Protein backbone atom coordinates (compact mmCIF):
# COMPACT_ATOMS: atom_id res chain seq x y z
CA MET A 1 -43.72 -2.35 -48.57
CA PRO A 2 -41.88 -0.25 -46.40
CA CYS A 3 -41.44 3.44 -46.91
CA LEU A 4 -37.79 5.09 -47.05
CA LEU A 5 -37.90 9.26 -47.03
CA LEU A 6 -34.91 10.57 -48.39
CA ARG A 7 -33.50 14.17 -48.12
CA LYS A 8 -30.34 14.89 -49.69
CA GLY A 9 -29.08 11.46 -48.90
CA GLU A 10 -30.78 11.10 -45.49
CA VAL A 11 -32.94 8.98 -44.15
CA CYS A 12 -36.23 10.96 -42.85
CA LEU A 13 -39.13 10.00 -40.55
CA PRO A 14 -42.29 12.08 -40.52
CA GLY A 15 -42.51 14.44 -38.12
CA PRO A 16 -45.11 17.26 -36.80
CA ASP A 17 -44.28 19.72 -39.14
CA GLY A 18 -42.75 17.38 -41.90
CA PRO A 19 -40.06 15.00 -42.65
CA VAL A 20 -37.22 15.26 -40.05
CA ALA A 21 -33.72 13.28 -40.23
CA ALA A 22 -33.40 10.12 -38.61
CA ARG A 23 -30.72 10.00 -35.63
CA SER A 24 -29.37 6.85 -33.72
CA PRO A 25 -29.20 7.55 -29.99
CA ASP A 26 -25.86 9.07 -30.57
CA GLY A 27 -27.32 11.92 -32.84
CA LEU A 28 -25.77 10.29 -35.93
CA PRO A 29 -27.41 9.88 -39.02
CA PHE A 30 -28.23 6.20 -40.61
CA ASP A 31 -26.59 5.28 -43.54
CA PRO A 32 -29.33 5.02 -46.21
CA PHE A 33 -27.42 2.16 -47.92
CA ASP A 34 -27.11 -0.32 -44.73
CA VAL A 35 -30.84 1.18 -43.98
CA VAL A 36 -31.83 -0.61 -47.45
CA ASP A 37 -29.75 -3.77 -46.76
CA ARG A 38 -31.10 -4.55 -43.71
CA LEU A 39 -34.75 -3.97 -45.19
CA ALA A 40 -34.00 -5.87 -48.03
CA LYS A 41 -33.61 -9.12 -45.91
CA ASP A 42 -37.22 -9.09 -44.96
CA TYR A 43 -38.95 -7.41 -48.07
CA SER A 44 -39.12 -7.57 -51.29
CA MET A 45 -39.71 -4.06 -52.61
CA LEU A 46 -39.53 -0.57 -51.23
CA TYR A 47 -41.58 2.72 -51.80
CA VAL A 48 -38.80 5.24 -52.01
CA VAL A 49 -40.28 9.09 -51.28
CA ASP A 50 -37.59 11.58 -52.60
CA LEU A 51 -38.07 14.54 -50.72
CA ASP A 52 -35.73 16.51 -53.04
CA GLY A 53 -38.05 15.54 -55.85
CA LEU A 54 -41.07 16.58 -53.80
CA GLU A 55 -39.75 19.65 -52.52
CA HIS A 56 -37.35 21.04 -55.30
CA GLN A 57 -37.87 18.81 -58.36
CA GLU A 58 -34.54 17.83 -58.13
CA PRO A 59 -34.80 14.12 -57.35
CA GLN A 60 -31.43 12.25 -56.08
CA LEU A 61 -31.28 10.02 -58.81
CA ASP A 62 -27.63 8.71 -58.39
CA TYR A 63 -29.21 7.39 -54.72
CA LEU A 64 -31.78 6.05 -56.52
CA GLN A 65 -29.73 4.26 -58.83
CA GLU A 66 -27.67 2.87 -56.10
CA ILE A 67 -30.60 1.88 -54.09
CA SER A 68 -32.12 -0.14 -57.13
CA ARG A 69 -29.47 -2.59 -57.26
CA ASP A 70 -30.58 -3.88 -54.01
CA MET A 71 -34.66 -3.80 -54.01
CA THR A 72 -37.18 -3.54 -56.23
CA MET A 73 -38.66 0.29 -55.88
CA TRP A 74 -41.56 2.27 -56.54
CA VAL A 75 -40.82 6.15 -56.24
CA ASP A 76 -42.68 9.14 -55.48
CA GLY A 77 -40.63 11.89 -56.86
CA GLY A 78 -43.12 14.57 -56.70
CA VAL A 79 -43.56 13.79 -60.73
CA ARG A 80 -45.40 16.95 -62.34
CA THR A 81 -44.77 16.18 -66.09
CA ALA A 82 -44.52 12.76 -68.05
CA ASP A 83 -40.70 13.68 -68.85
CA GLN A 84 -40.08 13.35 -64.94
CA ALA A 85 -41.89 9.93 -64.62
CA ILE A 86 -39.13 8.65 -67.03
CA ASP A 87 -36.39 9.86 -65.51
CA ILE A 88 -37.48 8.22 -62.34
CA LEU A 89 -37.64 4.95 -64.43
CA VAL A 90 -34.56 5.22 -65.88
CA ALA A 91 -32.69 5.69 -62.63
CA GLY A 92 -34.03 2.32 -61.74
CA ALA A 93 -37.39 2.76 -60.21
CA ARG A 94 -39.85 -0.59 -61.11
CA ARG A 95 -42.93 1.82 -60.85
CA ALA A 96 -42.84 5.82 -61.00
CA VAL A 97 -45.63 7.57 -58.85
CA LEU A 98 -47.94 9.67 -60.00
CA SER A 99 -49.52 11.84 -57.37
CA SER A 100 -52.79 13.75 -57.69
CA ALA A 101 -51.18 16.37 -55.42
CA TYR A 102 -48.22 16.95 -57.80
CA LEU A 103 -49.22 15.77 -61.60
CA ARG A 104 -50.13 18.54 -63.87
CA GLY A 105 -53.59 17.19 -65.00
CA PRO A 106 -55.03 14.17 -67.07
CA ARG A 107 -53.24 15.17 -70.50
CA GLN A 108 -49.72 14.52 -68.49
CA LEU A 109 -50.69 11.29 -67.16
CA LYS A 110 -51.76 10.23 -70.59
CA ARG A 111 -48.64 11.08 -71.91
CA ALA A 112 -46.42 9.44 -69.51
CA TRP A 113 -48.53 5.95 -69.85
CA ARG A 114 -47.73 6.33 -73.81
CA LEU A 115 -44.08 6.52 -72.70
CA SER A 116 -44.25 3.82 -70.05
CA THR A 117 -46.79 1.34 -68.51
CA GLU A 118 -44.89 1.53 -65.43
CA LEU A 119 -46.79 3.74 -63.21
CA VAL A 120 -48.62 4.05 -60.24
CA PHE A 121 -51.14 6.79 -59.35
CA GLU A 122 -51.55 8.21 -56.02
CA MET A 123 -54.51 9.75 -54.63
CA GLU A 124 -53.36 11.81 -51.69
CA PHE A 125 -55.87 13.34 -49.23
CA GLU A 126 -55.53 16.12 -47.52
CA ALA A 127 -55.74 16.28 -43.45
CA ALA A 128 -59.39 17.33 -43.80
CA GLY A 129 -60.01 14.15 -45.95
CA ARG A 130 -60.41 16.18 -49.18
CA LEU A 131 -58.36 15.33 -52.61
CA ALA A 132 -55.19 17.24 -52.67
CA LEU A 133 -55.17 17.76 -56.86
CA ALA A 134 -52.54 19.79 -58.13
CA ASP A 135 -54.77 20.64 -61.41
CA SER A 136 -58.29 21.25 -61.72
CA ALA A 137 -58.16 19.77 -64.84
CA TRP A 138 -59.02 16.77 -63.40
CA GLY A 139 -62.80 18.09 -63.25
CA THR A 140 -63.83 15.91 -59.92
CA GLU A 141 -62.82 16.13 -56.51
CA ASP A 142 -64.94 12.74 -56.19
CA PRO A 143 -61.94 9.99 -55.30
CA LEU A 144 -64.07 7.25 -57.10
CA GLU A 145 -64.49 9.28 -60.18
CA LEU A 146 -60.84 9.96 -59.90
CA ALA A 147 -60.03 6.53 -59.62
CA ARG A 148 -62.12 5.67 -62.73
CA LEU A 149 -60.36 8.42 -65.09
CA VAL A 150 -57.19 7.18 -64.01
CA ARG A 151 -57.83 3.74 -64.64
CA GLU A 152 -59.59 4.87 -68.05
CA ALA A 153 -56.07 6.31 -69.25
CA GLY A 154 -54.05 3.29 -68.51
CA PRO A 155 -52.84 2.85 -64.98
CA ASP A 156 -54.69 -0.15 -62.93
CA HIS A 157 -52.22 0.51 -60.01
CA LEU A 158 -53.96 3.19 -57.20
CA ILE A 159 -52.51 4.13 -53.90
CA VAL A 160 -55.30 5.87 -51.36
CA SER A 161 -53.14 8.33 -49.40
CA PRO A 162 -54.50 9.60 -46.26
CA ARG A 163 -52.53 12.50 -44.21
CA GLU A 164 -53.10 12.88 -40.53
CA THR A 165 -56.05 10.80 -40.20
CA ASP A 166 -56.94 6.78 -40.35
CA PRO A 167 -57.77 5.69 -43.69
CA ASP A 168 -61.29 5.63 -45.04
CA TRP A 169 -61.61 1.47 -45.32
CA ASN A 170 -64.91 1.86 -47.24
CA LEU A 171 -63.45 3.99 -49.92
CA VAL A 172 -60.42 1.27 -49.99
CA ALA A 173 -62.73 -1.24 -50.87
CA ARG A 174 -64.87 0.70 -53.45
CA VAL A 175 -61.43 1.62 -54.95
CA ALA A 176 -60.16 -1.93 -54.78
CA ALA A 177 -62.99 -3.18 -56.43
CA GLY A 178 -61.60 -1.64 -59.51
CA GLY A 179 -58.41 -2.99 -59.42
CA PRO A 180 -55.00 -3.20 -57.65
CA THR A 181 -55.24 -0.71 -54.83
CA TRP A 182 -52.42 0.06 -52.09
CA VAL A 183 -52.95 2.25 -48.66
CA ASP A 184 -50.03 4.83 -47.94
CA GLY A 185 -50.00 7.93 -45.94
CA SER A 186 -51.18 6.53 -42.17
CA PHE A 187 -51.13 3.03 -42.93
CA HIS A 188 -49.76 1.31 -40.10
CA PRO A 189 -48.72 -2.59 -39.76
CA ARG A 190 -51.47 -2.92 -37.67
CA ASP A 191 -53.99 -2.20 -40.01
CA LEU A 192 -53.15 -5.49 -41.89
CA SER A 193 -56.59 -7.07 -40.92
CA GLN A 194 -58.67 -4.16 -42.29
CA LEU A 195 -56.44 -3.87 -45.29
CA ALA A 196 -57.25 -7.51 -45.88
CA ALA A 197 -60.53 -6.94 -45.25
CA ALA A 198 -60.94 -4.48 -48.17
CA ARG A 199 -59.01 -6.75 -50.32
CA ALA A 200 -56.79 -4.09 -50.81
CA SER A 201 -53.51 -5.30 -52.76
CA GLY A 202 -51.08 -3.93 -49.97
CA GLY A 203 -49.95 -1.52 -47.53
CA ILE A 204 -47.03 1.15 -47.11
CA PHE A 205 -45.77 1.85 -43.80
CA HIS A 206 -43.04 4.26 -42.48
CA ILE A 207 -39.84 2.46 -40.84
CA GLU A 208 -39.71 4.56 -37.33
CA ASP A 209 -40.73 1.11 -35.39
CA LEU A 210 -38.06 -0.75 -37.44
CA LEU A 211 -35.29 1.30 -36.48
CA ASN A 212 -35.90 1.69 -33.08
CA HIS A 213 -36.14 -2.29 -33.01
CA TRP A 214 -32.87 -2.40 -34.72
CA GLN A 215 -30.77 -0.28 -31.86
CA GLU A 216 -31.10 -3.55 -30.74
CA THR A 217 -28.39 -5.07 -32.73
CA PRO A 218 -26.90 -1.93 -33.82
CA LEU A 219 -27.14 -0.74 -37.27
CA PRO A 220 -23.98 0.91 -39.07
CA GLU A 221 -24.19 4.22 -39.28
CA SER A 222 -23.13 7.40 -41.39
CA GLY A 223 -19.40 8.09 -40.69
CA SER A 224 -18.46 4.81 -38.68
CA SER A 225 -15.55 3.49 -39.15
CA GLU A 226 -16.43 0.03 -40.27
């Protein structure tokens, strides 16, 4: 599943100090809707990371509504509370992502599940391989125990999301043994064989290589006259 990073309507890519705006060789930003159109030709689902939601708790709901008309989306908008998850779903997401790094504990998870079952839970790992937890109320730093607690609360789809380090494929396999599991963060399409070996459901990858490839057949850019 391709990952679209979006900040203030601009397509972004991972950078050494955090996401940065993607630019064409001419230095122009990419039109996010043109990018989605291109992705829709080859992929049926899209993973949207709404950076405004993550960074400022101001998800780009208008953009999400427009994108949802063209592709089925999972959206990570930095959900802290159950109500914020519902806002993401109302905007058109097929599933709202609840991340261990942002969600305010198991109480909000259970409340969100009562409001909607269209949820997926992300276990985010810091660069050192430690679980990123926004709330100590989870009562554990063991990813397998957290996966068990989340699935007991309702959501069965989990995302293992390591940052700045390769996926722990043994951990992925153990989480996948309990239900549908996806790999995000540092996942790359070259990891497909390991993804299959771990019996994971799928991987979420950044689109930098695709944007570079599309330069061979120019992608319409923001501000173009066409």
